[in-house]
Amino acid sequence: MPQNILLVVAYVDDMPVASALNIYHQTTLYGRYWGALQYVPNLHFELCYYQAQEFCIAEKIQYFEGGAQGEHKLARGFKPRPTCSFHKIAHADFAAAIQDFVTKESQGIAAYTIELEDRAPFKAR
């Protein structure tokens, strides 16, 4: 699978200090696992978004899934989109508790998504 991995690494004085791991195929790039050994202002956005967007443009990848969460993504051109997870919880009682929470939380997320869409920096035609 190495042909489907985009690893963006930042260096300070020839030492790696941060990276973002993305998985992609012909139409979509999925980001991003991010980690840093030190704080560098704006480095998160450079590695996780700007470099990945440039890669998508260069490779003619149509969709960039920037990952869940984050109002800061609106200013970077990402509209809110529902995401999903395919976890299997082995303990039945724990699975039921999680399902109850997710059901209740989804109502709040739906309302928040509408609010974020209203604040998006661009509108649909």
PDB file of N, CA and C in Angstrom:
ATOM      1  N   MET A   1       0.794  -1.205   0.000  1.00  0.00           N
ATOM      2  CA  MET A   1       0.000   0.000   0.000  1.00  0.00           C
ATOM      3  C   MET A   1       0.844   1.283   0.000  1.00  0.00           C
ATOM      4  N   PRO A   2       2.144   1.231  -0.053  1.00  0.00           N
ATOM      5  CA  PRO A   2       2.930   2.468  -0.001  1.00  0.00           C
ATOM      6  C   PRO A   2       2.625   3.432  -1.144  1.00  0.00           C
ATOM      7  N   GLN A   3       2.135   2.931  -2.254  1.00  0.00           N
ATOM      8  CA  GLN A   3       1.794   3.802  -3.371  1.00  0.00           C
ATOM      9  C   GLN A   3       0.557   4.645  -3.079  1.00  0.00           C
ATOM     10  N   ASN A   4      -0.119   4.422  -1.977  1.00  0.00           N
ATOM     11  CA  ASN A   4      -1.319   5.165  -1.601  1.00  0.00           C
ATOM     12  C   ASN A   4      -1.128   5.982  -0.330  1.00  0.00           C
ATOM     13  N   ILE A   5       0.100   6.245   0.039  1.00  0.00           N
ATOM     14  CA  ILE A   5       0.391   6.998   1.259  1.00  0.00           C
ATOM     15  C   ILE A   5       1.111   8.291   0.894  1.00  0.00           C
ATOM     16  N   LEU A   6       0.630   9.386   1.468  1.00  0.00           N
ATOM     17  CA  LEU A   6       1.318  10.664   1.371  1.00  0.00           C
ATOM     18  C   LEU A   6       1.770  11.020   2.780  1.00  0.00           C
ATOM     19  N   LEU A   7       3.060  11.044   2.996  1.00  0.00           N
ATOM     20  CA  LEU A   7       3.627  11.434   4.282  1.00  0.00           C
ATOM     21  C   LEU A   7       4.323  12.771   4.085  1.00  0.00           C
ATOM     22  N   VAL A   8       3.865  13.777   4.813  1.00  0.00           N
ATOM     23  CA  VAL A   8       4.445  15.113   4.740  1.00  0.00           C
ATOM     24  C   VAL A   8       5.228  15.324   6.035  1.00  0.00           C
ATOM     25  N   VAL A   9       6.510  15.620   5.911  1.00  0.00           N
ATOM     26  CA  VAL A   9       7.382  15.743   7.080  1.00  0.00           C
ATOM     27  C   VAL A   9       8.002  17.136   7.103  1.00  0.00           C
ATOM     28  N   ALA A  10       8.027  17.743   8.286  1.00  0.00           N
ATOM     29  CA  ALA A  10       8.667  19.045   8.476  1.00  0.00           C
ATOM     30  C   ALA A  10       9.961  18.851   9.253  1.00  0.00           C
ATOM     31  N   TYR A  11      10.969  19.591   8.844  1.00  0.00           N
ATOM     32  CA  TYR A  11      12.290  19.496   9.477  1.00  0.00           C
ATOM     33  C   TYR A  11      12.706  20.858  10.026  1.00  0.00           C
ATOM     34  N   VAL A  12      13.415  20.835  11.133  1.00  0.00           N
ATOM     35  CA  VAL A  12      14.098  22.011  11.665  1.00  0.00           C
ATOM     36  C   VAL A  12      15.546  21.585  11.869  1.00  0.00           C
ATOM     37  N   ASP A  13      16.450  22.263  11.181  1.00  0.00           N
ATOM     38  CA  ASP A  13      17.880  21.928  11.270  1.00  0.00           C
ATOM     39  C   ASP A  13      18.128  20.444  10.981  1.00  0.00           C
ATOM     40  N   ASP A  14      17.561  19.955   9.901  1.00  0.00           N
ATOM     41  CA  ASP A  14      17.737  18.570   9.438  1.00  0.00           C
ATOM     42  C   ASP A  14      17.163  17.513  10.381  1.00  0.00           C
ATOM     43  N   MET A  15      16.360  17.940  11.351  1.00  0.00           N
ATOM     44  CA  MET A  15      15.726  16.996  12.268  1.00  0.00           C
ATOM     45  C   MET A  15      14.220  17.017  12.035  1.00  0.00           C
ATOM     46  N   PRO A  16      13.574  15.856  11.862  1.00  0.00           N
ATOM     47  CA  PRO A  16      12.114  15.850  11.697  1.00  0.00           C
ATOM     48  C   PRO A  16      11.435  16.302  12.986  1.00  0.00           C
ATOM     49  N   VAL A  17      10.487  17.238  12.851  1.00  0.00           N
ATOM     50  CA  VAL A  17       9.796  17.753  14.038  1.00  0.00           C
ATOM     51  C   VAL A  17       8.288  17.537  13.977  1.00  0.00           C
ATOM     52  N   ALA A  18       7.761  17.224  12.794  1.00  0.00           N
ATOM     53  CA  ALA A  18       6.314  17.015  12.675  1.00  0.00           C
ATOM     54  C   ALA A  18       6.022  16.284  11.377  1.00  0.00           C
ATOM     55  N   SER A  19       4.870  15.626  11.341  1.00  0.00           N
ATOM     56  CA  SER A  19       4.458  14.968  10.109  1.00  0.00           C
ATOM     57  C   SER A  19       2.945  14.809  10.066  1.00  0.00           C
ATOM     58  N   ALA A  20       2.463  14.625   8.854  1.00  0.00           N
ATOM     59  CA  ALA A  20       1.046  14.339   8.617  1.00  0.00           C
ATOM     60  C   ALA A  20       0.972  13.147   7.670  1.00  0.00           C
ATOM     61  N   LEU A  21       0.181  12.170   8.025  1.00  0.00           N
ATOM     62  CA  LEU A  21       0.025  10.955   7.234  1.00  0.00           C
ATOM     63  C   LEU A  21      -1.343  10.974   6.573  1.00  0.00           C
ATOM     64  N   ASN A  22      -1.359  10.784   5.259  1.00  0.00           N
ATOM     65  CA  ASN A  22      -2.595  10.769   4.482  1.00  0.00           C
ATOM     66  C   ASN A  22      -2.641   9.491   3.648  1.00  0.00           C
ATOM     67  N   ILE A  23      -3.845   8.995   3.424  1.00  0.00           N
ATOM     68  CA  ILE A  23      -4.069   7.837   2.562  1.00  0.00           C
ATOM     69  C   ILE A  23      -4.887   8.334   1.375  1.00  0.00           C
ATOM     70  N   TYR A  24      -4.587   7.867   0.188  1.00  0.00           N
ATOM     71  CA  TYR A  24      -5.328   8.333  -0.979  1.00  0.00           C
ATOM     72  C   TYR A  24      -5.492   7.232  -2.014  1.00  0.00           C
ATOM     73  N   HIS A  25      -6.432   7.475  -2.915  1.00  0.00           N
ATOM     74  CA  HIS A  25      -6.582   6.656  -4.124  1.00  0.00           C
ATOM     75  C   HIS A  25      -6.896   7.619  -5.263  1.00  0.00           C
ATOM     76  N   GLN A  26      -7.390   7.134  -6.363  1.00  0.00           N
ATOM     77  CA  GLN A  26      -7.544   7.957  -7.564  1.00  0.00           C
ATOM     78  C   GLN A  26      -8.413   9.192  -7.371  1.00  0.00           C
ATOM     79  N   THR A  27      -9.447   9.112  -6.549  1.00  0.00           N
ATOM     80  CA  THR A  27     -10.392  10.227  -6.452  1.00  0.00           C
ATOM     81  C   THR A  27     -10.374  10.970  -5.122  1.00  0.00           C
ATOM     82  N   THR A  28      -9.847  10.373  -4.068  1.00  0.00           N
ATOM     83  CA  THR A  28      -9.975  10.970  -2.739  1.00  0.00           C
ATOM     84  C   THR A  28      -8.691  10.815  -1.935  1.00  0.00           C
ATOM     85  N   LEU A  29      -8.338  11.890  -1.222  1.00  0.00           N
ATOM     86  CA  LEU A  29      -7.257  11.846  -0.245  1.00  0.00           C
ATOM     87  C   LEU A  29      -7.902  11.960   1.130  1.00  0.00           C
ATOM     88  N   TYR A  30      -7.543  11.052   2.009  1.00  0.00           N
ATOM     89  CA  TYR A  30      -8.075  11.038   3.367  1.00  0.00           C
ATOM     90  C   TYR A  30      -6.972  11.473   4.330  1.00  0.00           C
ATOM     91  N   GLY A  31      -7.222  12.575   5.038  1.00  0.00           N
ATOM     92  CA  GLY A  31      -6.252  13.031   6.023  1.00  0.00           C
ATOM     93  C   GLY A  31      -6.841  12.833   7.382  1.00  0.00           C
ATOM     94  N   ARG A  32      -6.127  13.056   8.279  1.00  0.00           N
ATOM     95  CA  ARG A  32      -4.726  13.140   8.426  1.00  0.00           C
ATOM     96  C   ARG A  32      -4.410  12.737   9.842  1.00  0.00           C
ATOM     97  N   TYR A  33      -3.389  11.978   9.965  1.00  0.00           N
ATOM     98  CA  TYR A  33      -2.836  11.673  11.274  1.00  0.00           C
ATOM     99  C   TYR A  33      -1.673  12.638  11.461  1.00  0.00           C
ATOM    100  N   TRP A  34      -1.692  13.393  12.528  1.00  0.00           N
ATOM    101  CA  TRP A  34      -0.754  14.490  12.732  1.00  0.00           C
ATOM    102  C   TRP A  34      -0.010  14.279  14.033  1.00  0.00           C
ATOM    103  N   GLY A  35       1.261  14.615  14.019  1.00  0.00           N
ATOM    104  CA  GLY A  35       2.037  14.583  15.245  1.00  0.00           C
ATOM    105  C   GLY A  35       3.188  15.558  15.159  1.00  0.00           C
ATOM    106  N   ALA A  36       3.587  16.100  16.303  1.00  0.00           N
ATOM    107  CA  ALA A  36       4.687  17.060  16.337  1.00  0.00           C
ATOM    108  C   ALA A  36       5.503  16.879  17.608  1.00  0.00           C
ATOM    109  N   LEU A  37       6.784  17.075  17.479  1.00  0.00           N
ATOM    110  CA  LEU A  37       7.687  17.009  18.622  1.00  0.00           C
ATOM    111  C   LEU A  37       7.901  18.372  19.251  1.00  0.00           C
ATOM    112  N   GLN A  38       7.581  19.426  18.505  1.00  0.00           N
ATOM    113  CA  GLN A  38       7.677  20.777  19.046  1.00  0.00           C
ATOM    114  C   GLN A  38       6.647  21.657  18.354  1.00  0.00           C
ATOM    115  N   TYR A  39       6.297  22.738  19.018  1.00  0.00           N
ATOM    116  CA  TYR A  39       5.334  23.668  18.454  1.00  0.00           C
ATOM    117  C   TYR A  39       6.036  24.629  17.492  1.00  0.00           C
ATOM    118  N   VAL A  40       5.498  24.707  16.297  1.00  0.00           N
ATOM    119  CA  VAL A  40       5.937  25.684  15.304  1.00  0.00           C
ATOM    120  C   VAL A  40       4.659  26.346  14.796  1.00  0.00           C
ATOM    121  N   PRO A  41       4.527  27.660  14.943  1.00  0.00           N
ATOM    122  CA  PRO A  41       3.284  28.331  14.537  1.00  0.00           C
ATOM    123  C   PRO A  41       2.882  27.984  13.096  1.00  0.00           C
ATOM    124  N   ASN A  42       1.625  27.643  12.930  1.00  0.00           N
ATOM    125  CA  ASN A  42       0.997  27.358  11.629  1.00  0.00           C
ATOM    126  C   ASN A  42       1.494  26.091  10.939  1.00  0.00           C
ATOM    127  N   LEU A  43       2.366  25.349  11.550  1.00  0.00           N
ATOM    128  CA  LEU A  43       2.892  24.139  10.923  1.00  0.00           C
ATOM    129  C   LEU A  43       1.808  23.088  10.728  1.00  0.00           C
ATOM    130  N   HIS A  44       0.900  22.981  11.695  1.00  0.00           N
ATOM    131  CA  HIS A  44      -0.206  22.034  11.569  1.00  0.00           C
ATOM    132  C   HIS A  44      -0.981  22.268  10.278  1.00  0.00           C
ATOM    133  N   PHE A  45      -1.325  23.515   9.998  1.00  0.00           N
ATOM    134  CA  PHE A  45      -2.099  23.812   8.802  1.00  0.00           C
ATOM    135  C   PHE A  45      -1.284  23.563   7.537  1.00  0.00           C
ATOM    136  N   GLU A  46      -0.032  23.893   7.564  1.00  0.00           N
ATOM    137  CA  GLU A  46       0.825  23.671   6.394  1.00  0.00           C
ATOM    138  C   GLU A  46       0.898  22.193   6.043  1.00  0.00           C
ATOM    139  N   LEU A  47       1.172  21.357   7.036  1.00  0.00           N
ATOM    140  CA  LEU A  47       1.332  19.932   6.773  1.00  0.00           C
ATOM    141  C   LEU A  47       0.002  19.229   6.511  1.00  0.00           C
ATOM    142  N   CYS A  48      -0.999  19.523   7.325  1.00  0.00           N
ATOM    143  CA  CYS A  48      -2.262  18.787   7.247  1.00  0.00           C
ATOM    144  C   CYS A  48      -3.177  19.250   6.123  1.00  0.00           C
ATOM    145  N   TYR A  49      -3.119  20.511   5.764  1.00  0.00           N
ATOM    146  CA  TYR A  49      -4.057  21.031   4.776  1.00  0.00           C
ATOM    147  C   TYR A  49      -3.380  21.533   3.514  1.00  0.00           C
ATOM    148  N   TYR A  50      -2.491  22.504   3.642  1.00  0.00           N
ATOM    149  CA  TYR A  50      -1.953  23.163   2.451  1.00  0.00           C
ATOM    150  C   TYR A  50      -1.132  22.210   1.591  1.00  0.00           C
ATOM    151  N   GLN A  51      -0.250  21.425   2.191  1.00  0.00           N
ATOM    152  CA  GLN A  51       0.538  20.476   1.408  1.00  0.00           C
ATOM    153  C   GLN A  51      -0.350  19.390   0.793  1.00  0.00           C
ATOM    154  N   ALA A  52      -1.329  18.934   1.553  1.00  0.00           N
ATOM    155  CA  ALA A  52      -2.241  17.913   1.032  1.00  0.00           C
ATOM    156  C   ALA A  52      -3.084  18.467  -0.117  1.00  0.00           C
ATOM    157  N   GLN A  53      -3.539  19.718   0.001  1.00  0.00           N
ATOM    158  CA  GLN A  53      -4.310  20.327  -1.081  1.00  0.00           C
ATOM    159  C   GLN A  53      -3.454  20.472  -2.337  1.00  0.00           C
ATOM    160  N   GLU A  54      -2.217  20.894  -2.175  1.00  0.00           N
ATOM    161  CA  GLU A  54      -1.334  21.007  -3.334  1.00  0.00           C
ATOM    162  C   GLU A  54      -1.118  19.653  -3.996  1.00  0.00           C
ATOM    163  N   PHE A  55      -0.989  18.608  -3.194  1.00  0.00           N
ATOM    164  CA  PHE A  55      -0.838  17.257  -3.734  1.00  0.00           C
ATOM    165  C   PHE A  55      -2.080  16.862  -4.532  1.00  0.00           C
ATOM    166  N   CYS A  56      -3.252  17.144  -3.980  1.00  0.00           N
ATOM    167  CA  CYS A  56      -4.499  16.811  -4.685  1.00  0.00           C
ATOM    168  C   CYS A  56      -4.575  17.534  -6.031  1.00  0.00           C
ATOM    169  N   ILE A  57      -4.198  18.789  -6.051  1.00  0.00           N
ATOM    170  CA  ILE A  57      -4.221  19.555  -7.307  1.00  0.00           C
ATOM    171  C   ILE A  57      -3.235  18.954  -8.302  1.00  0.00           C
ATOM    172  N   ALA A  58      -2.021  18.692  -7.849  1.00  0.00           N
ATOM    173  CA  ALA A  58      -0.993  18.150  -8.742  1.00  0.00           C
ATOM    174  C   ALA A  58      -1.371  16.779  -9.297  1.00  0.00           C
ATOM    175  N   GLU A  59      -2.012  15.967  -8.472  1.00  0.00           N
ATOM    176  CA  GLU A  59      -2.365  14.597  -8.874  1.00  0.00           C
ATOM    177  C   GLU A  59      -3.790  14.482  -9.421  1.00  0.00           C
ATOM    178  N   LYS A  60      -4.474  15.624  -9.521  1.00  0.00           N
ATOM    179  CA  LYS A  60      -5.856  15.667 -10.019  1.00  0.00           C
ATOM    180  C   LYS A  60      -6.791  14.781  -9.187  1.00  0.00           C
ATOM    181  N   ILE A  61      -6.574  14.808  -7.866  1.00  0.00           N
ATOM    182  CA  ILE A  61      -7.446  14.094  -6.932  1.00  0.00           C
ATOM    183  C   ILE A  61      -8.612  15.016  -6.619  1.00  0.00           C
ATOM    184  N   GLN A  62      -9.815  14.549  -6.870  1.00  0.00           N
ATOM    185  CA  GLN A  62     -10.999  15.395  -6.820  1.00  0.00           C
ATOM    186  C   GLN A  62     -11.443  15.771  -5.406  1.00  0.00           C
ATOM    187  N   TYR A  63     -11.326  14.865  -4.449  1.00  0.00           N
ATOM    188  CA  TYR A  63     -11.846  15.096  -3.101  1.00  0.00           C
ATOM    189  C   TYR A  63     -10.729  15.009  -2.063  1.00  0.00           C
ATOM    190  N   PHE A  64     -10.814  15.896  -1.096  1.00  0.00           N
ATOM    191  CA  PHE A  64      -9.884  15.882   0.036  1.00  0.00           C
ATOM    192  C   PHE A  64     -10.709  15.856   1.304  1.00  0.00           C
ATOM    193  N   GLU A  65     -10.680  14.737   1.997  1.00  0.00           N
ATOM    194  CA  GLU A  65     -11.347  14.590   3.291  1.00  0.00           C
ATOM    195  C   GLU A  65     -10.359  14.997   4.367  1.00  0.00           C
ATOM    196  N   GLY A  66     -10.544  16.186   4.934  1.00  0.00           N
ATOM    197  CA  GLY A  66      -9.586  16.738   5.882  1.00  0.00           C
ATOM    198  C   GLY A  66      -9.678  16.190   7.281  1.00  0.00           C
ATOM    199  N   GLY A  67     -10.593  15.282   7.541  1.00  0.00           N
ATOM    200  CA  GLY A  67     -10.722  14.727   8.875  1.00  0.00           C
ATOM    201  C   GLY A  67     -11.881  15.359   9.636  1.00  0.00           C
ATOM    202  N   ALA A  68     -12.273  14.716  10.695  1.00  0.00           N
ATOM    203  CA  ALA A  68     -13.414  15.165  11.491  1.00  0.00           C
ATOM    204  C   ALA A  68     -13.021  16.322  12.395  1.00  0.00           C
ATOM    205  N   GLN A  69     -14.019  17.088  12.775  1.00  0.00           N
ATOM    206  CA  GLN A  69     -13.922  18.158  13.774  1.00  0.00           C
ATOM    207  C   GLN A  69     -13.159  19.378  13.268  1.00  0.00           C
ATOM    208  N   GLY A  70     -13.450  20.507  13.904  1.00  0.00           N
ATOM    209  CA  GLY A  70     -12.644  21.689  13.678  1.00  0.00           C
ATOM    210  C   GLY A  70     -13.295  22.817  12.923  1.00  0.00           C
ATOM    211  N   GLU A  71     -13.756  23.821  13.669  1.00  0.00           N
ATOM    212  CA  GLU A  71     -14.324  25.009  13.043  1.00  0.00           C
ATOM    213  C   GLU A  71     -13.279  25.755  12.225  1.00  0.00           C
ATOM    214  N   HIS A  72     -12.014  25.602  12.585  1.00  0.00           N
ATOM    215  CA  HIS A  72     -10.930  26.268  11.865  1.00  0.00           C
ATOM    216  C   HIS A  72     -10.870  25.843  10.404  1.00  0.00           C
ATOM    217  N   LYS A  73     -11.490  24.739  10.069  1.00  0.00           N
ATOM    218  CA  LYS A  73     -11.446  24.258   8.689  1.00  0.00           C
ATOM    219  C   LYS A  73     -12.306  25.100   7.756  1.00  0.00           C
ATOM    220  N   LEU A  74     -13.299  25.813   8.286  1.00  0.00           N
ATOM    221  CA  LEU A  74     -14.135  26.666   7.442  1.00  0.00           C
ATOM    222  C   LEU A  74     -13.293  27.691   6.705  1.00  0.00           C
ATOM    223  N   ALA A  75     -12.370  28.316   7.399  1.00  0.00           N
ATOM    224  CA  ALA A  75     -11.528  29.351   6.798  1.00  0.00           C
ATOM    225  C   ALA A  75     -10.555  28.775   5.776  1.00  0.00           C
ATOM    226  N   ARG A  76     -10.397  27.470   5.765  1.00  0.00           N
ATOM    227  CA  ARG A  76      -9.497  26.819   4.825  1.00  0.00           C
ATOM    228  C   ARG A  76     -10.252  26.136   3.690  1.00  0.00           C
ATOM    229  N   GLY A  77     -11.537  26.482   3.553  1.00  0.00           N
ATOM    230  CA  GLY A  77     -12.318  26.005   2.418  1.00  0.00           C
ATOM    231  C   GLY A  77     -13.024  24.679   2.608  1.00  0.00           C
ATOM    232  N   PHE A  78     -13.065  24.162   3.821  1.00  0.00           N
ATOM    233  CA  PHE A  78     -13.738  22.894   4.072  1.00  0.00           C
ATOM    234  C   PHE A  78     -15.131  23.152   4.613  1.00  0.00           C
ATOM    235  N   LYS A  79     -16.117  22.608   3.944  1.00  0.00           N
ATOM    236  CA  LYS A  79     -17.477  22.695   4.453  1.00  0.00           C
ATOM    237  C   LYS A  79     -17.719  21.511   5.394  1.00  0.00           C
ATOM    238  N   PRO A  80     -18.630  21.676   6.350  1.00  0.00           N
ATOM    239  CA  PRO A  80     -18.917  20.554   7.256  1.00  0.00           C
ATOM    240  C   PRO A  80     -19.546  19.388   6.505  1.00  0.00           C
ATOM    241  N   ARG A  81     -19.109  18.204   6.883  1.00  0.00           N
ATOM    242  CA  ARG A  81     -19.621  16.981   6.271  1.00  0.00           C
ATOM    243  C   ARG A  81     -19.718  15.907   7.333  1.00  0.00           C
ATOM    244  N   PRO A  82     -20.789  15.165   7.323  1.00  0.00           N
ATOM    245  CA  PRO A  82     -20.866  14.064   8.295  1.00  0.00           C
ATOM    246  C   PRO A  82     -19.793  13.013   7.999  1.00  0.00           C
ATOM    247  N   THR A  83     -19.279  12.423   9.048  1.00  0.00           N
ATOM    248  CA  THR A  83     -18.323  11.327   8.899  1.00  0.00           C
ATOM    249  C   THR A  83     -18.877  10.119   9.641  1.00  0.00           C
ATOM    250  N   CYS A  84     -18.262   8.998   9.415  1.00  0.00           N
ATOM    251  CA  CYS A  84     -18.722   7.789  10.099  1.00  0.00           C
ATOM    252  C   CYS A  84     -17.524   7.015  10.617  1.00  0.00           C
ATOM    253  N   SER A  85     -17.815   6.077  11.452  1.00  0.00           N
ATOM    254  CA  SER A  85     -16.792   5.229  12.029  1.00  0.00           C
ATOM    255  C   SER A  85     -17.310   3.799  12.021  1.00  0.00           C
ATOM    256  N   PHE A  86     -16.429   2.871  11.794  1.00  0.00           N
ATOM    257  CA  PHE A  86     -16.820   1.468  11.726  1.00  0.00           C
ATOM    258  C   PHE A  86     -16.152   0.681  12.842  1.00  0.00           C
ATOM    259  N   HIS A  87     -16.447   1.076  14.063  1.00  0.00           N
ATOM    260  CA  HIS A  87     -15.899   0.388  15.223  1.00  0.00           C
ATOM    261  C   HIS A  87     -16.852  -0.704  15.684  1.00  0.00           C
ATOM    262  N   LYS A  88     -16.307  -1.784  16.171  1.00  0.00           N
ATOM    263  CA  LYS A  88     -17.104  -2.834  16.797  1.00  0.00           C
ATOM    264  C   LYS A  88     -16.708  -2.869  18.256  1.00  0.00           C
ATOM    265  N   ILE A  89     -17.695  -2.663  19.118  1.00  0.00           N
ATOM    266  CA  ILE A  89     -17.458  -2.675  20.559  1.00  0.00           C
ATOM    267  C   ILE A  89     -17.815  -4.068  21.081  1.00  0.00           C
ATOM    268  N   ALA A  90     -16.849  -4.757  21.629  1.00  0.00           N
ATOM    269  CA  ALA A  90     -17.033  -6.153  22.032  1.00  0.00           C
ATOM    270  C   ALA A  90     -17.969  -6.311  23.228  1.00  0.00           C
ATOM    271  N   HIS A  91     -17.909  -5.401  24.178  1.00  0.00           N
ATOM    272  CA  HIS A  91     -18.720  -5.514  25.388  1.00  0.00           C
ATOM    273  C   HIS A  91     -20.120  -4.970  25.106  1.00  0.00           C
ATOM    274  N   ALA A  92     -21.142  -5.817  25.222  1.00  0.00           N
ATOM    275  CA  ALA A  92     -22.510  -5.456  24.831  1.00  0.00           C
ATOM    276  C   ALA A  92     -23.046  -4.235  25.589  1.00  0.00           C
ATOM    277  N   ASP A  93     -22.836  -4.168  26.901  1.00  0.00           N
ATOM    278  CA  ASP A  93     -23.340  -3.026  27.672  1.00  0.00           C
ATOM    279  C   ASP A  93     -22.639  -1.730  27.269  1.00  0.00           C
ATOM    280  N   PHE A  94     -21.346  -1.819  27.045  1.00  0.00           N
ATOM    281  CA  PHE A  94     -20.598  -0.650  26.612  1.00  0.00           C
ATOM    282  C   PHE A  94     -21.058  -0.218  25.217  1.00  0.00           C
ATOM    283  N   ALA A  95     -21.277  -1.181  24.329  1.00  0.00           N
ATOM    284  CA  ALA A  95     -21.764  -0.881  22.977  1.00  0.00           C
ATOM    285  C   ALA A  95     -23.121  -0.185  23.043  1.00  0.00           C
ATOM    286  N   ALA A  96     -23.992  -0.638  23.934  1.00  0.00           N
ATOM    287  CA  ALA A  96     -25.321  -0.022  24.074  1.00  0.00           C
ATOM    288  C   ALA A  96     -25.200   1.413  24.589  1.00  0.00           C
ATOM    289  N   ALA A  97     -24.315   1.631  25.549  1.00  0.00           N
ATOM    290  CA  ALA A  97     -24.112   2.983  26.086  1.00  0.00           C
ATOM    291  C   ALA A  97     -23.571   3.924  25.012  1.00  0.00           C
ATOM    292  N   ILE A  98     -22.634   3.433  24.226  1.00  0.00           N
ATOM    293  CA  ILE A  98     -22.073   4.249  23.145  1.00  0.00           C
ATOM    294  C   ILE A  98     -23.143   4.551  22.107  1.00  0.00           C
ATOM    295  N   GLN A  99     -23.937   3.559  21.737  1.00  0.00           N
ATOM    296  CA  GLN A  99     -25.002   3.777  20.754  1.00  0.00           C
ATOM    297  C   GLN A  99     -26.007   4.798  21.261  1.00  0.00           C
ATOM    298  N   ASP A 100     -26.352   4.739  22.529  1.00  0.00           N
ATOM    299  CA  ASP A 100     -27.272   5.718  23.113  1.00  0.00           C
ATOM    300  C   ASP A 100     -26.690   7.126  23.005  1.00  0.00           C
ATOM    301  N   PHE A 101     -25.420   7.271  23.350  1.00  0.00           N
ATOM    302  CA  PHE A 101     -24.762   8.575  23.256  1.00  0.00           C
ATOM    303  C   PHE A 101     -24.731   9.067  21.815  1.00  0.00           C
ATOM    304  N   VAL A 102     -24.337   8.215  20.897  1.00  0.00           N
ATOM    305  CA  VAL A 102     -24.223   8.606  19.487  1.00  0.00           C
ATOM    306  C   VAL A 102     -25.583   9.034  18.933  1.00  0.00           C
ATOM    307  N   THR A 103     -26.621   8.348  19.309  1.00  0.00           N
ATOM    308  CA  THR A 103     -27.966   8.712  18.852  1.00  0.00           C
ATOM    309  C   THR A 103     -28.342  10.106  19.335  1.00  0.00           C
ATOM    310  N   LYS A 104     -28.099  10.379  20.613  1.00  0.00           N
ATOM    311  CA  LYS A 104     -28.409  11.705  21.169  1.00  0.00           C
ATOM    312  C   LYS A 104     -27.493  12.774  20.579  1.00  0.00           C
ATOM    313  N   GLU A 105     -26.221  12.468  20.471  1.00  0.00           N
ATOM    314  CA  GLU A 105     -25.240  13.427  19.966  1.00  0.00           C
ATOM    315  C   GLU A 105     -25.509  13.799  18.508  1.00  0.00           C
ATOM    316  N   SER A 106     -26.008  12.867  17.719  1.00  0.00           N
ATOM    317  CA  SER A 106     -26.224  13.127  16.289  1.00  0.00           C
ATOM    318  C   SER A 106     -27.223  14.255  16.057  1.00  0.00           C
ATOM    319  N   GLN A 107     -28.180  14.429  16.962  1.00  0.00           N
ATOM    320  CA  GLN A 107     -29.133  15.530  16.832  1.00  0.00           C
ATOM    321  C   GLN A 107     -28.425  16.879  17.001  1.00  0.00           C
ATOM    322  N   GLY A 108     -27.568  16.972  17.984  1.00  0.00           N
ATOM    323  CA  GLY A 108     -26.813  18.199  18.194  1.00  0.00           C
ATOM    324  C   GLY A 108     -25.842  18.468  17.061  1.00  0.00           C
ATOM    325  N   ILE A 109     -25.215  17.430  16.556  1.00  0.00           N
ATOM    326  CA  ILE A 109     -24.277  17.577  15.445  1.00  0.00           C
ATOM    327  C   ILE A 109     -25.009  18.063  14.194  1.00  0.00           C
ATOM    328  N   ALA A 110     -26.198  17.556  13.949  1.00  0.00           N
ATOM    329  CA  ALA A 110     -26.973  17.998  12.783  1.00  0.00           C
ATOM    330  C   ALA A 110     -27.270  19.490  12.866  1.00  0.00           C
ATOM    331  N   ALA A 111     -27.663  19.967  14.031  1.00  0.00           N
ATOM    332  CA  ALA A 111     -27.939  21.398  14.204  1.00  0.00           C
ATOM    333  C   ALA A 111     -26.667  22.221  14.054  1.00  0.00           C
ATOM    334  N   TYR A 112     -25.569  21.729  14.605  1.00  0.00           N
ATOM    335  CA  TYR A 112     -24.303  22.444  14.521  1.00  0.00           C
ATOM    336  C   TYR A 112     -23.795  22.494  13.075  1.00  0.00           C
ATOM    337  N   THR A 113     -24.021  21.433  12.336  1.00  0.00           N
ATOM    338  CA  THR A 113     -23.627  21.400  10.926  1.00  0.00           C
ATOM    339  C   THR A 113     -24.328  22.491  10.144  1.00  0.00           C
ATOM    340  N   ILE A 114     -25.602  22.693  10.404  1.00  0.00           N
ATOM    341  CA  ILE A 114     -26.357  23.752   9.731  1.00  0.00           C
ATOM    342  C   ILE A 114     -25.772  25.111  10.087  1.00  0.00           C
ATOM    343  N   GLU A 115     -25.438  25.300  11.368  1.00  0.00           N
ATOM    344  CA  GLU A 115     -24.834  26.562  11.799  1.00  0.00           C
ATOM    345  C   GLU A 115     -23.501  26.802  11.095  1.00  0.00           C
ATOM    346  N   LEU A 116     -22.672  25.778  10.992  1.00  0.00           N
ATOM    347  CA  LEU A 116     -21.386  25.926  10.316  1.00  0.00           C
ATOM    348  C   LEU A 116     -21.561  26.207   8.828  1.00  0.00           C
ATOM    349  N   GLU A 117     -22.535  25.567   8.206  1.00  0.00           N
ATOM    350  CA  GLU A 117     -22.787  25.798   6.786  1.00  0.00           C
ATOM    351  C   GLU A 117     -23.172  27.257   6.557  1.00  0.00           C
ATOM    352  N   ASP A 118     -23.931  27.835   7.487  1.00  0.00           N
ATOM    353  CA  ASP A 118     -24.302  29.242   7.373  1.00  0.00           C
ATOM    354  C   ASP A 118     -23.092  30.168   7.490  1.00  0.00           C
ATOM    355  N   ARG A 119     -22.048  29.714   8.193  1.00  0.00           N
ATOM    356  CA  ARG A 119     -20.848  30.534   8.390  1.00  0.00           C
ATOM    357  C   ARG A 119     -19.764  30.263   7.348  1.00  0.00           C
ATOM    358  N   ALA A 120     -19.995  29.338   6.422  1.00  0.00           N
ATOM    359  CA  ALA A 120     -18.991  28.989   5.423  1.00  0.00           C
ATOM    360  C   ALA A 120     -18.616  30.209   4.598  1.00  0.00           C
ATOM    361  N   PRO A 121     -17.351  30.321   4.197  1.00  0.00           N
ATOM    362  CA  PRO A 121     -16.901  31.512   3.465  1.00  0.00           C
ATOM    363  C   PRO A 121     -17.366  31.573   2.015  1.00  0.00           C
ATOM    364  N   PHE A 122     -18.054  30.552   1.558  1.00  0.00           N
ATOM    365  CA  PHE A 122     -18.567  30.559   0.201  1.00  0.00           C
ATOM    366  C   PHE A 122     -19.929  29.888   0.208  1.00  0.00           C
ATOM    367  N   LYS A 123     -20.735  30.209  -0.757  1.00  0.00           N
ATOM    368  CA  LYS A 123     -22.093  29.670  -0.833  1.00  0.00           C
ATOM    369  C   LYS A 123     -22.256  28.892  -2.128  1.00  0.00           C
ATOM    370  N   ALA A 124     -23.173  27.949  -2.113  1.00  0.00           N
ATOM    371  CA  ALA A 124     -23.490  27.187  -3.335  1.00  0.00           C
ATOM    372  C   ALA A 124     -24.203  28.099  -4.312  1.00  0.00           C
ATOM    373  N   ARG A 125     -24.022  27.822  -5.573  1.00  0.00           N
ATOM    374  CA  ARG A 125     -24.683  28.644  -6.603  1.00  0.00           C
ATOM    375  C   ARG A 125     -26.148  28.367  -6.667  1.00  0.00           C
TER     376      ARG A 125
END
